[in-house]
Amino acid sequence: MAIPDKWIEILKKLSDEQWDMFDIVHTLTNRRWQENTIVYAESHDQAMVGDKTIAFWLMDKEMYSNMSTSQFPTLVIERGIALHKMIRLLTYSLGGEGYLSFMGNEFGHPEWIDFPREGNGFSYHHARRRWDLAHNEDLRYKFLFRFDARMHKVASESPFCYPQAHQYVVTQSNDDMVIAYEKGRRLLFVFNFHTSNSYTGYRFGTWWGGKYKIVLDSDASEFDGQGRVHHDVVHQTHEEWFNKRPYWLELYVPARTCQVYHCFEPDQKTIDRDGINLEAERREREAGDADLEEITRKFEKAGRS
């Protein structure tokens, strides 16, 4: 419970400018060596009556009136959606070897759960999850739902959440409010929690040399972002030590966003050093895509019923 409690503590007690990147990283990575851990950003404790979910702490009553896609998002909604995506991806990718989400929190369910009891007149009104909100094209919940689905797709195609996955934090900066780390199969995760500063040509060290492309971007328009990062750009590493890594690359990192970059074409030194088999990876990815498509079909069918 340390991780969900930490997020609630941050949202309740600190302004955005007071967030401590080192404290967040320490909380997410503070677990016993090689002991597999299931991680979650929030659980039933936050969803039950008496507390608030992360989405509700971020957006509160505006979730009832300002989630329509027919209007420009308010500052509260824009901030809330941006941080909701960042918190979930950071927790998913850095906090453990498996990921858990409590039902409805994937898309920021606006209400709590309260089972029939004497105190509420044995009402069933809040003993439910409003899955229709996630499938309503006129509401912004769909963007959070899409982002959640894309996180799982990335985890399927380029695994990062599994026992003994490679993990190394390359950047932590409270001045810039930036966190970056390597994880899993040649993925570089980049987070910029700064409220207003976007960085051009921000340099990150990396273990893997070669070509990188973006595979997940919280700022993409399909996730209700501003679309400030170009997805067709291929980033080439430079072979030079930086931040204790043998390669580096420079990236554009907009404020309050996160991106995941994949080294899809490693250089020969990286292939030889790590024993990479690209053909085997391709076969695994195709098999994983087929499994994920089947799960998605079943999930969407359940949502419509």
C-alpha atoms as a PDB file:
ATOM      1  CA  MET A   1       0.000   0.000   0.000  1.00  0.00           C
ATOM      2  CA  ALA A   2       3.024   2.322   0.145  1.00  0.00           C
ATOM      3  CA  ILE A   3       2.643   3.429  -3.483  1.00  0.00           C
ATOM      4  CA  PRO A   4      -1.092   4.294  -3.546  1.00  0.00           C
ATOM      5  CA  ASP A   5      -0.726   5.947  -0.136  1.00  0.00           C
ATOM      6  CA  LYS A   6       2.171   8.014  -1.488  1.00  0.00           C
ATOM      7  CA  TRP A   7       0.123   9.262  -4.451  1.00  0.00           C
ATOM      8  CA  ILE A   8      -2.777  10.243  -2.201  1.00  0.00           C
ATOM      9  CA  GLU A   9      -0.375  11.987   0.187  1.00  0.00           C
ATOM     10  CA  ILE A  10       1.139  13.969  -2.696  1.00  0.00           C
ATOM     11  CA  LEU A  11      -2.233  14.978  -4.137  1.00  0.00           C
ATOM     12  CA  LYS A  12      -3.651  15.966  -0.737  1.00  0.00           C
ATOM     13  CA  LYS A  13      -0.703  17.831   0.769  1.00  0.00           C
ATOM     14  CA  LEU A  14       1.564  19.185  -1.977  1.00  0.00           C
ATOM     15  CA  SER A  15       1.225  21.728  -4.732  1.00  0.00           C
ATOM     16  CA  ASP A  16       2.409  20.596  -8.161  1.00  0.00           C
ATOM     17  CA  GLU A  17       5.629  22.588  -7.759  1.00  0.00           C
ATOM     18  CA  GLN A  18       6.481  20.728  -4.529  1.00  0.00           C
ATOM     19  CA  TRP A  19       6.520  17.221  -5.976  1.00  0.00           C
ATOM     20  CA  ASP A  20       9.816  15.490  -5.171  1.00  0.00           C
ATOM     21  CA  MET A  21      11.067  13.328  -8.052  1.00  0.00           C
ATOM     22  CA  PHE A  22      13.568  11.501  -5.821  1.00  0.00           C
ATOM     23  CA  ASP A  23      10.894  10.661  -3.250  1.00  0.00           C
ATOM     24  CA  ILE A  24       8.548   9.346  -5.946  1.00  0.00           C
ATOM     25  CA  VAL A  25      11.246   7.176  -7.543  1.00  0.00           C
ATOM     26  CA  HIS A  26      12.360   5.862  -4.142  1.00  0.00           C
ATOM     27  CA  THR A  27       8.807   4.867  -3.215  1.00  0.00           C
ATOM     28  CA  LEU A  28       8.270   3.091  -6.533  1.00  0.00           C
ATOM     29  CA  THR A  29      11.565   1.188  -6.481  1.00  0.00           C
ATOM     30  CA  ASN A  30      11.862   0.449  -2.751  1.00  0.00           C
ATOM     31  CA  ARG A  31      11.259  -3.298  -2.755  1.00  0.00           C
ATOM     32  CA  ARG A  32      13.301  -6.376  -1.907  1.00  0.00           C
ATOM     33  CA  TRP A  33      15.723  -7.574  -4.567  1.00  0.00           C
ATOM     34  CA  GLN A  34      14.204 -10.181  -6.915  1.00  0.00           C
ATOM     35  CA  GLU A  35      10.988 -10.371  -4.888  1.00  0.00           C
ATOM     36  CA  ASN A  36       8.141 -10.062  -7.374  1.00  0.00           C
ATOM     37  CA  THR A  37       5.671  -7.315  -6.538  1.00  0.00           C
ATOM     38  CA  ILE A  38       2.195  -6.454  -7.816  1.00  0.00           C
ATOM     39  CA  VAL A  39       1.862  -2.694  -8.071  1.00  0.00           C
ATOM     40  CA  TYR A  40      -1.158  -0.398  -8.271  1.00  0.00           C
ATOM     41  CA  ALA A  41      -1.672   3.353  -8.259  1.00  0.00           C
ATOM     42  CA  GLU A  42      -4.920   3.024  -6.298  1.00  0.00           C
ATOM     43  CA  SER A  43      -7.090   0.225  -4.984  1.00  0.00           C
ATOM     44  CA  HIS A  44     -10.518  -0.430  -3.532  1.00  0.00           C
ATOM     45  CA  ASP A  45      -9.495   1.604  -0.460  1.00  0.00           C
ATOM     46  CA  GLN A  46      -9.502   4.796  -2.527  1.00  0.00           C
ATOM     47  CA  ALA A  47     -12.676   3.839  -4.397  1.00  0.00           C
ATOM     48  CA  MET A  48     -14.774   3.068  -1.324  1.00  0.00           C
ATOM     49  CA  VAL A  49     -16.954   5.664   0.371  1.00  0.00           C
ATOM     50  CA  GLY A  50     -14.918   7.846   2.730  1.00  0.00           C
ATOM     51  CA  ASP A  51     -11.962   8.401   0.408  1.00  0.00           C
ATOM     52  CA  LYS A  52     -11.377   9.617  -3.141  1.00  0.00           C
ATOM     53  CA  THR A  53      -9.879   8.022  -6.222  1.00  0.00           C
ATOM     54  CA  ILE A  54      -6.896   9.660  -7.917  1.00  0.00           C
ATOM     55  CA  ALA A  55      -9.194  11.047 -10.607  1.00  0.00           C
ATOM     56  CA  PHE A  56     -11.473  12.574  -7.980  1.00  0.00           C
ATOM     57  CA  TRP A  57      -8.564  14.099  -6.060  1.00  0.00           C
ATOM     58  CA  LEU A  58      -7.388  15.657  -9.327  1.00  0.00           C
ATOM     59  CA  MET A  59     -10.688  16.888 -10.784  1.00  0.00           C
ATOM     60  CA  ASP A  60     -13.283  16.647  -8.001  1.00  0.00           C
ATOM     61  CA  LYS A  61     -16.706  18.134  -8.780  1.00  0.00           C
ATOM     62  CA  GLU A  62     -15.672  19.283 -12.271  1.00  0.00           C
ATOM     63  CA  MET A  63     -15.927  15.652 -13.363  1.00  0.00           C
ATOM     64  CA  TYR A  64     -19.707  16.070 -13.226  1.00  0.00           C
ATOM     65  CA  SER A  65     -19.902  19.182 -15.400  1.00  0.00           C
ATOM     66  CA  ASN A  66     -16.766  19.656 -17.512  1.00  0.00           C
ATOM     67  CA  MET A  67     -15.946  16.293 -19.093  1.00  0.00           C
ATOM     68  CA  SER A  68     -17.812  16.953 -22.330  1.00  0.00           C
ATOM     69  CA  THR A  69     -15.768  16.815 -25.541  1.00  0.00           C
ATOM     70  CA  SER A  70     -17.969  19.566 -27.005  1.00  0.00           C
ATOM     71  CA  GLN A  71     -16.237  22.189 -24.844  1.00  0.00           C
ATOM     72  CA  PHE A  72     -12.623  23.149 -24.227  1.00  0.00           C
ATOM     73  CA  PRO A  73     -11.274  21.508 -21.076  1.00  0.00           C
ATOM     74  CA  THR A  74     -10.955  23.709 -18.021  1.00  0.00           C
ATOM     75  CA  LEU A  75      -7.546  24.069 -16.382  1.00  0.00           C
ATOM     76  CA  VAL A  76      -8.621  21.601 -13.695  1.00  0.00           C
ATOM     77  CA  ILE A  77      -9.722  18.968 -16.213  1.00  0.00           C
ATOM     78  CA  GLU A  78      -6.670  19.463 -18.437  1.00  0.00           C
ATOM     79  CA  ARG A  79      -4.322  19.084 -15.460  1.00  0.00           C
ATOM     80  CA  GLY A  80      -6.275  16.149 -14.062  1.00  0.00           C
ATOM     81  CA  ILE A  81      -6.298  14.127 -17.269  1.00  0.00           C
ATOM     82  CA  ALA A  82      -2.597  14.813 -17.872  1.00  0.00           C
ATOM     83  CA  LEU A  83      -1.503  13.753 -14.378  1.00  0.00           C
ATOM     84  CA  HIS A  84      -3.864  10.769 -14.271  1.00  0.00           C
ATOM     85  CA  LYS A  85      -2.118   9.316 -17.329  1.00  0.00           C
ATOM     86  CA  MET A  86       1.355  10.069 -15.993  1.00  0.00           C
ATOM     87  CA  ILE A  87       0.723   8.615 -12.538  1.00  0.00           C
ATOM     88  CA  ARG A  88      -0.653   5.381 -13.944  1.00  0.00           C
ATOM     89  CA  LEU A  89       2.143   4.818 -16.457  1.00  0.00           C
ATOM     90  CA  LEU A  90       4.877   5.680 -13.953  1.00  0.00           C
ATOM     91  CA  THR A  91       3.397   3.284 -11.398  1.00  0.00           C
ATOM     92  CA  TYR A  92       2.836   0.533 -13.969  1.00  0.00           C
ATOM     93  CA  SER A  93       6.323   0.666 -15.436  1.00  0.00           C
ATOM     94  CA  LEU A  94       8.541   1.400 -12.417  1.00  0.00           C
ATOM     95  CA  GLY A  95       6.691   0.070  -9.387  1.00  0.00           C
ATOM     96  CA  GLY A  96       6.763  -3.705  -9.755  1.00  0.00           C
ATOM     97  CA  GLU A  97       6.682  -6.858 -11.834  1.00  0.00           C
ATOM     98  CA  GLY A  98       2.913  -6.991 -12.267  1.00  0.00           C
ATOM     99  CA  TYR A  99       0.193  -4.341 -12.473  1.00  0.00           C
ATOM    100  CA  LEU A 100      -3.271  -4.213 -10.927  1.00  0.00           C
ATOM    101  CA  SER A 101      -6.105  -1.778 -11.559  1.00  0.00           C
ATOM    102  CA  PHE A 102      -9.303  -1.634  -9.557  1.00  0.00           C
ATOM    103  CA  MET A 103     -12.435  -1.759 -11.717  1.00  0.00           C
ATOM    104  CA  GLY A 104     -13.377   1.588 -13.187  1.00  0.00           C
ATOM    105  CA  ASN A 105     -10.209   3.404 -12.176  1.00  0.00           C
ATOM    106  CA  GLU A 106      -8.783   2.760 -15.648  1.00  0.00           C
ATOM    107  CA  PHE A 107     -10.897   5.596 -17.033  1.00  0.00           C
ATOM    108  CA  GLY A 108     -11.207   7.744 -13.914  1.00  0.00           C
ATOM    109  CA  HIS A 109     -14.629   6.621 -12.680  1.00  0.00           C
ATOM    110  CA  PRO A 110     -16.214   9.736 -11.136  1.00  0.00           C
ATOM    111  CA  GLU A 111     -18.005   8.152  -8.193  1.00  0.00           C
ATOM    112  CA  TRP A 112     -17.190   5.990  -5.219  1.00  0.00           C
ATOM    113  CA  ILE A 113     -18.410   2.515  -4.300  1.00  0.00           C
ATOM    114  CA  ASP A 114     -20.827   2.122  -1.400  1.00  0.00           C
ATOM    115  CA  PHE A 115     -22.538  -1.197  -0.782  1.00  0.00           C
ATOM    116  CA  PRO A 116     -26.025  -1.416   0.744  1.00  0.00           C
ATOM    117  CA  ARG A 117     -25.881  -0.808   4.490  1.00  0.00           C
ATOM    118  CA  GLU A 118     -27.904   0.778   7.235  1.00  0.00           C
ATOM    119  CA  GLY A 119     -26.001   4.070   6.935  1.00  0.00           C
ATOM    120  CA  ASN A 120     -27.148   4.641   3.332  1.00  0.00           C
ATOM    121  CA  GLY A 121     -30.627   3.219   3.687  1.00  0.00           C
ATOM    122  CA  PHE A 122     -29.513  -0.046   2.054  1.00  0.00           C
ATOM    123  CA  SER A 123     -29.185   1.757  -1.266  1.00  0.00           C
ATOM    124  CA  TYR A 124     -27.684   0.103  -4.350  1.00  0.00           C
ATOM    125  CA  HIS A 125     -27.125   3.434  -6.100  1.00  0.00           C
ATOM    126  CA  HIS A 126     -23.330   3.439  -5.664  1.00  0.00           C
ATOM    127  CA  ALA A 127     -22.885  -0.344  -5.721  1.00  0.00           C
ATOM    128  CA  ARG A 128     -21.923  -0.214  -9.383  1.00  0.00           C
ATOM    129  CA  ARG A 129     -19.366   0.864 -11.991  1.00  0.00           C
ATOM    130  CA  ARG A 130     -20.446   3.114 -14.863  1.00  0.00           C
ATOM    131  CA  TRP A 131     -18.698   1.373 -17.767  1.00  0.00           C
ATOM    132  CA  ASP A 132     -20.911   3.271 -20.189  1.00  0.00           C
ATOM    133  CA  LEU A 133     -18.896   6.421 -19.420  1.00  0.00           C
ATOM    134  CA  ALA A 134     -15.749   4.888 -20.906  1.00  0.00           C
ATOM    135  CA  HIS A 135     -17.587   4.078 -24.142  1.00  0.00           C
ATOM    136  CA  ASN A 136     -19.398   7.416 -24.460  1.00  0.00           C
ATOM    137  CA  GLU A 137     -17.836   9.312 -27.384  1.00  0.00           C
ATOM    138  CA  ASP A 138     -19.114  12.633 -26.013  1.00  0.00           C
ATOM    139  CA  LEU A 139     -17.153  12.406 -22.743  1.00  0.00           C
ATOM    140  CA  ARG A 140     -13.440  12.648 -21.960  1.00  0.00           C
ATOM    141  CA  TYR A 141     -13.383   9.422 -19.968  1.00  0.00           C
ATOM    142  CA  LYS A 142     -12.790   7.655 -23.274  1.00  0.00           C
ATOM    143  CA  PHE A 143      -9.335   9.261 -23.543  1.00  0.00           C
ATOM    144  CA  LEU A 144      -8.209   7.831 -20.211  1.00  0.00           C
ATOM    145  CA  PHE A 145      -9.622   4.458 -21.205  1.00  0.00           C
ATOM    146  CA  ARG A 146      -7.744   4.525 -24.517  1.00  0.00           C
ATOM    147  CA  PHE A 147      -4.508   5.426 -22.771  1.00  0.00           C
ATOM    148  CA  ASP A 148      -4.930   2.548 -20.342  1.00  0.00           C
ATOM    149  CA  ALA A 149      -5.461   0.153 -23.247  1.00  0.00           C
ATOM    150  CA  ARG A 150      -2.398   1.500 -25.061  1.00  0.00           C
ATOM    151  CA  MET A 151      -0.227   0.959 -21.979  1.00  0.00           C
ATOM    152  CA  HIS A 152      -1.146  -2.723 -22.055  1.00  0.00           C
ATOM    153  CA  LYS A 153      -0.504  -2.900 -25.786  1.00  0.00           C
ATOM    154  CA  VAL A 154       3.004  -1.500 -25.345  1.00  0.00           C
ATOM    155  CA  ALA A 155       3.609  -3.950 -22.489  1.00  0.00           C
ATOM    156  CA  SER A 156       2.557  -6.769 -24.809  1.00  0.00           C
ATOM    157  CA  GLU A 157       4.616  -5.706 -27.824  1.00  0.00           C
ATOM    158  CA  SER A 158       7.743  -4.600 -25.941  1.00  0.00           C
ATOM    159  CA  PRO A 159       7.535  -6.242 -22.503  1.00  0.00           C
ATOM    160  CA  PHE A 160       8.577  -4.189 -19.490  1.00  0.00           C
ATOM    161  CA  CYS A 161       6.473  -5.474 -16.583  1.00  0.00           C
ATOM    162  CA  TYR A 162       7.764  -8.941 -15.728  1.00  0.00           C
ATOM    163  CA  PRO A 163      10.064 -10.609 -13.160  1.00  0.00           C
ATOM    164  CA  GLN A 164      13.705  -9.474 -13.278  1.00  0.00           C
ATOM    165  CA  ALA A 165      13.094  -7.032 -16.119  1.00  0.00           C
ATOM    166  CA  HIS A 166      15.975  -4.667 -16.842  1.00  0.00           C
ATOM    167  CA  GLN A 167      15.470  -1.411 -14.936  1.00  0.00           C
ATOM    168  CA  TYR A 168      17.768   1.573 -14.504  1.00  0.00           C
ATOM    169  CA  VAL A 169      16.869   5.158 -13.585  1.00  0.00           C
ATOM    170  CA  VAL A 170      18.981   7.449 -15.771  1.00  0.00           C
ATOM    171  CA  THR A 171      17.595  10.861 -14.770  1.00  0.00           C
ATOM    172  CA  GLN A 172      16.021  12.374 -11.647  1.00  0.00           C
ATOM    173  CA  SER A 173      15.818  16.151 -11.418  1.00  0.00           C
ATOM    174  CA  ASN A 174      13.806  18.235  -8.985  1.00  0.00           C
ATOM    175  CA  ASP A 175      14.873  21.423 -10.746  1.00  0.00           C
ATOM    176  CA  ASP A 176      13.516  20.253 -14.103  1.00  0.00           C
ATOM    177  CA  MET A 177      10.951  17.867 -12.529  1.00  0.00           C
ATOM    178  CA  VAL A 178      12.040  15.151 -14.956  1.00  0.00           C
ATOM    179  CA  ILE A 179      12.287  11.384 -14.441  1.00  0.00           C
ATOM    180  CA  ALA A 180      13.662   8.975 -17.040  1.00  0.00           C
ATOM    181  CA  TYR A 181      14.550   5.303 -16.882  1.00  0.00           C
ATOM    182  CA  GLU A 182      15.299   2.243 -18.972  1.00  0.00           C
ATOM    183  CA  LYS A 183      12.920  -0.655 -18.538  1.00  0.00           C
ATOM    184  CA  GLY A 184      12.349  -4.058 -20.051  1.00  0.00           C
ATOM    185  CA  ARG A 185      13.108  -4.747 -23.680  1.00  0.00           C
ATOM    186  CA  ARG A 186      14.917  -1.574 -24.817  1.00  0.00           C
ATOM    187  CA  LEU A 187      12.322   0.950 -23.653  1.00  0.00           C
ATOM    188  CA  LEU A 188      13.158   4.451 -22.445  1.00  0.00           C
ATOM    189  CA  PHE A 189      10.456   6.089 -20.290  1.00  0.00           C
ATOM    190  CA  VAL A 190      10.502   9.892 -19.991  1.00  0.00           C
ATOM    191  CA  PHE A 191       8.333  11.979 -17.626  1.00  0.00           C
ATOM    192  CA  ASN A 192       8.175  15.761 -17.304  1.00  0.00           C
ATOM    193  CA  PHE A 193       6.089  16.811 -14.291  1.00  0.00           C
ATOM    194  CA  HIS A 194       6.908  20.501 -14.632  1.00  0.00           C
ATOM    195  CA  THR A 195       3.783  22.650 -14.713  1.00  0.00           C
ATOM    196  CA  SER A 196       4.970  24.925 -17.528  1.00  0.00           C
ATOM    197  CA  ASN A 197       8.506  24.163 -18.744  1.00  0.00           C
ATOM    198  CA  SER A 198       8.867  22.125 -21.920  1.00  0.00           C
ATOM    199  CA  TYR A 199      12.378  21.069 -22.865  1.00  0.00           C
ATOM    200  CA  THR A 200      13.896  20.976 -26.330  1.00  0.00           C
ATOM    201  CA  GLY A 201      16.948  18.783 -26.856  1.00  0.00           C
ATOM    202  CA  TYR A 202      16.890  17.319 -23.341  1.00  0.00           C
ATOM    203  CA  ARG A 203      19.724  14.798 -23.146  1.00  0.00           C
ATOM    204  CA  PHE A 204      19.205  11.309 -21.732  1.00  0.00           C
ATOM    205  CA  GLY A 205      21.755   8.563 -21.298  1.00  0.00           C
ATOM    206  CA  THR A 206      20.834   5.067 -22.448  1.00  0.00           C
ATOM    207  CA  TRP A 207      22.283   1.569 -22.374  1.00  0.00           C
ATOM    208  CA  TRP A 208      21.145   0.746 -25.907  1.00  0.00           C
ATOM    209  CA  GLY A 209      22.601   2.297 -29.029  1.00  0.00           C
ATOM    210  CA  GLY A 210      20.641   2.528 -32.268  1.00  0.00           C
ATOM    211  CA  LYS A 211      17.426   4.034 -33.574  1.00  0.00           C
ATOM    212  CA  TYR A 212      14.480   4.960 -31.351  1.00  0.00           C
ATOM    213  CA  LYS A 213      10.849   5.687 -32.120  1.00  0.00           C
ATOM    214  CA  ILE A 214       8.003   6.756 -29.878  1.00  0.00           C
ATOM    215  CA  VAL A 215       5.521   4.016 -28.958  1.00  0.00           C
ATOM    216  CA  LEU A 216       3.421   5.814 -26.334  1.00  0.00           C
ATOM    217  CA  ASP A 217       2.777   9.522 -25.842  1.00  0.00           C
ATOM    218  CA  SER A 218       0.408  10.922 -23.228  1.00  0.00           C
ATOM    219  CA  ASP A 219       0.314  14.187 -25.199  1.00  0.00           C
ATOM    220  CA  ALA A 220      -1.109  12.530 -28.326  1.00  0.00           C
ATOM    221  CA  SER A 221      -4.446  13.941 -29.460  1.00  0.00           C
ATOM    222  CA  GLU A 222      -6.044  10.488 -29.291  1.00  0.00           C
ATOM    223  CA  PHE A 223      -5.492  10.674 -25.509  1.00  0.00           C
ATOM    224  CA  ASP A 224      -6.749  14.275 -25.188  1.00  0.00           C
ATOM    225  CA  GLY A 225      -3.247  15.737 -25.379  1.00  0.00           C
ATOM    226  CA  GLN A 226      -1.972  18.714 -27.350  1.00  0.00           C
ATOM    227  CA  GLY A 227      -0.035  16.701 -29.932  1.00  0.00           C
ATOM    228  CA  ARG A 228       3.273  18.485 -29.446  1.00  0.00           C
ATOM    229  CA  VAL A 229       5.536  15.482 -30.121  1.00  0.00           C
ATOM    230  CA  HIS A 230       6.040  14.278 -33.708  1.00  0.00           C
ATOM    231  CA  HIS A 231       5.628  10.508 -33.899  1.00  0.00           C
ATOM    232  CA  ASP A 232       7.287  10.041 -37.279  1.00  0.00           C
ATOM    233  CA  VAL A 233      10.713  11.198 -36.055  1.00  0.00           C
ATOM    234  CA  VAL A 234      13.429   8.545 -35.692  1.00  0.00           C
ATOM    235  CA  HIS A 235      15.977   9.375 -32.995  1.00  0.00           C
ATOM    236  CA  GLN A 236      19.573   8.214 -33.426  1.00  0.00           C
ATOM    237  CA  THR A 237      21.802   7.723 -30.399  1.00  0.00           C
ATOM    238  CA  HIS A 238      25.330   9.091 -30.060  1.00  0.00           C
ATOM    239  CA  GLU A 239      28.048   6.763 -28.808  1.00  0.00           C
ATOM    240  CA  GLU A 240      29.438   8.726 -25.891  1.00  0.00           C
ATOM    241  CA  TRP A 241      29.187   8.182 -22.135  1.00  0.00           C
ATOM    242  CA  PHE A 242      26.545  10.295 -20.414  1.00  0.00           C
ATOM    243  CA  ASN A 243      24.984   9.758 -16.976  1.00  0.00           C
ATOM    244  CA  LYS A 244      26.942   6.497 -16.644  1.00  0.00           C
ATOM    245  CA  ARG A 245      25.468   5.126 -19.889  1.00  0.00           C
ATOM    246  CA  PRO A 246      27.448   4.423 -23.094  1.00  0.00           C
ATOM    247  CA  TYR A 247      25.012   6.267 -25.402  1.00  0.00           C
ATOM    248  CA  TRP A 248      22.823   9.355 -25.307  1.00  0.00           C
ATOM    249  CA  LEU A 249      20.025  10.928 -27.308  1.00  0.00           C
ATOM    250  CA  GLU A 250      18.214  14.257 -27.163  1.00  0.00           C
ATOM    251  CA  LEU A 251      14.425  14.525 -27.003  1.00  0.00           C
ATOM    252  CA  TYR A 252      11.675  17.117 -26.864  1.00  0.00           C
ATOM    253  CA  VAL A 253       9.766  16.744 -23.587  1.00  0.00           C
ATOM    254  CA  PRO A 254       6.602  18.883 -23.208  1.00  0.00           C
ATOM    255  CA  ALA A 255       5.356  19.961 -19.786  1.00  0.00           C
ATOM    256  CA  ARG A 256       3.105  17.526 -17.893  1.00  0.00           C
ATOM    257  CA  THR A 257       3.583  14.688 -20.348  1.00  0.00           C
ATOM    258  CA  CYS A 258       5.251  11.301 -20.575  1.00  0.00           C
ATOM    259  CA  GLN A 259       6.620   9.362 -23.530  1.00  0.00           C
ATOM    260  CA  VAL A 260       7.945   5.870 -24.113  1.00  0.00           C
ATOM    261  CA  TYR A 261      10.647   5.342 -26.738  1.00  0.00           C
ATOM    262  CA  HIS A 262      11.641   1.957 -28.124  1.00  0.00           C
ATOM    263  CA  CYS A 263      15.076   1.127 -29.490  1.00  0.00           C
ATOM    264  CA  PHE A 264      13.572  -0.736 -32.437  1.00  0.00           C
ATOM    265  CA  GLU A 265      16.806  -0.975 -34.416  1.00  0.00           C
ATOM    266  CA  PRO A 266      19.751  -1.540 -32.049  1.00  0.00           C
ATOM    267  CA  ASP A 267      23.262  -1.081 -33.388  1.00  0.00           C
ATOM    268  CA  GLN A 268      25.566  -4.049 -33.853  1.00  0.00           C
ATOM    269  CA  LYS A 269      27.486  -3.392 -30.641  1.00  0.00           C
ATOM    270  CA  THR A 270      24.258  -3.514 -28.643  1.00  0.00           C
ATOM    271  CA  ILE A 271      23.084  -6.673 -30.434  1.00  0.00           C
ATOM    272  CA  ASP A 272      26.375  -8.463 -29.796  1.00  0.00           C
ATOM    273  CA  ARG A 273      26.686  -7.277 -26.189  1.00  0.00           C
ATOM    274  CA  ASP A 274      23.129  -8.204 -25.139  1.00  0.00           C
ATOM    275  CA  GLY A 275      22.631 -11.231 -27.414  1.00  0.00           C
ATOM    276  CA  ILE A 276      19.548  -9.713 -29.059  1.00  0.00           C
ATOM    277  CA  ASN A 277      17.508 -11.892 -31.443  1.00  0.00           C
ATOM    278  CA  LEU A 278      15.267  -9.522 -33.402  1.00  0.00           C
ATOM    279  CA  GLU A 279      13.492 -12.304 -35.324  1.00  0.00           C
ATOM    280  CA  ALA A 280      12.510 -14.098 -32.112  1.00  0.00           C
ATOM    281  CA  GLU A 281      11.231 -10.801 -30.715  1.00  0.00           C
ATOM    282  CA  ARG A 282       9.111 -10.276 -33.835  1.00  0.00           C
ATOM    283  CA  ARG A 283       7.474 -13.706 -33.450  1.00  0.00           C
ATOM    284  CA  GLU A 284       6.764 -13.084 -29.763  1.00  0.00           C
ATOM    285  CA  ARG A 285       5.263  -9.687 -30.581  1.00  0.00           C
ATOM    286  CA  GLU A 286       2.929 -11.123 -33.217  1.00  0.00           C
ATOM    287  CA  ALA A 287       1.738 -13.831 -30.820  1.00  0.00           C
ATOM    288  CA  GLY A 288       1.195 -11.244 -28.092  1.00  0.00           C
ATOM    289  CA  ASP A 289      -0.768  -8.988 -30.453  1.00  0.00           C
ATOM    290  CA  ALA A 290      -3.132 -11.838 -31.309  1.00  0.00           C
ATOM    291  CA  ASP A 291      -3.761 -12.581 -27.626  1.00  0.00           C
ATOM    292  CA  LEU A 292      -4.313  -8.900 -26.836  1.00  0.00           C
ATOM    293  CA  GLU A 293      -6.774  -8.463 -29.705  1.00  0.00           C
ATOM    294  CA  GLU A 294      -8.844 -11.372 -28.393  1.00  0.00           C
ATOM    295  CA  ILE A 295      -8.868  -9.933 -24.865  1.00  0.00           C
ATOM    296  CA  THR A 296      -9.830  -6.496 -26.226  1.00  0.00           C
ATOM    297  CA  ARG A 297     -12.746  -7.936 -28.206  1.00  0.00           C
ATOM    298  CA  LYS A 298     -14.098  -9.692 -25.124  1.00  0.00           C
ATOM    299  CA  PHE A 299     -13.677  -6.549 -23.012  1.00  0.00           C
ATOM    300  CA  GLU A 300     -15.446  -4.309 -25.528  1.00  0.00           C
ATOM    301  CA  LYS A 301     -18.267  -6.826 -25.854  1.00  0.00           C
ATOM    302  CA  ALA A 302     -18.696  -6.831 -22.067  1.00  0.00           C
ATOM    303  CA  GLY A 303     -18.751  -3.022 -22.049  1.00  0.00           C
ATOM    304  CA  ARG A 304     -21.577  -2.910 -24.593  1.00  0.00           C
ATOM    305  CA  SER A 305     -23.701  -5.483 -22.804  1.00  0.00           C
END
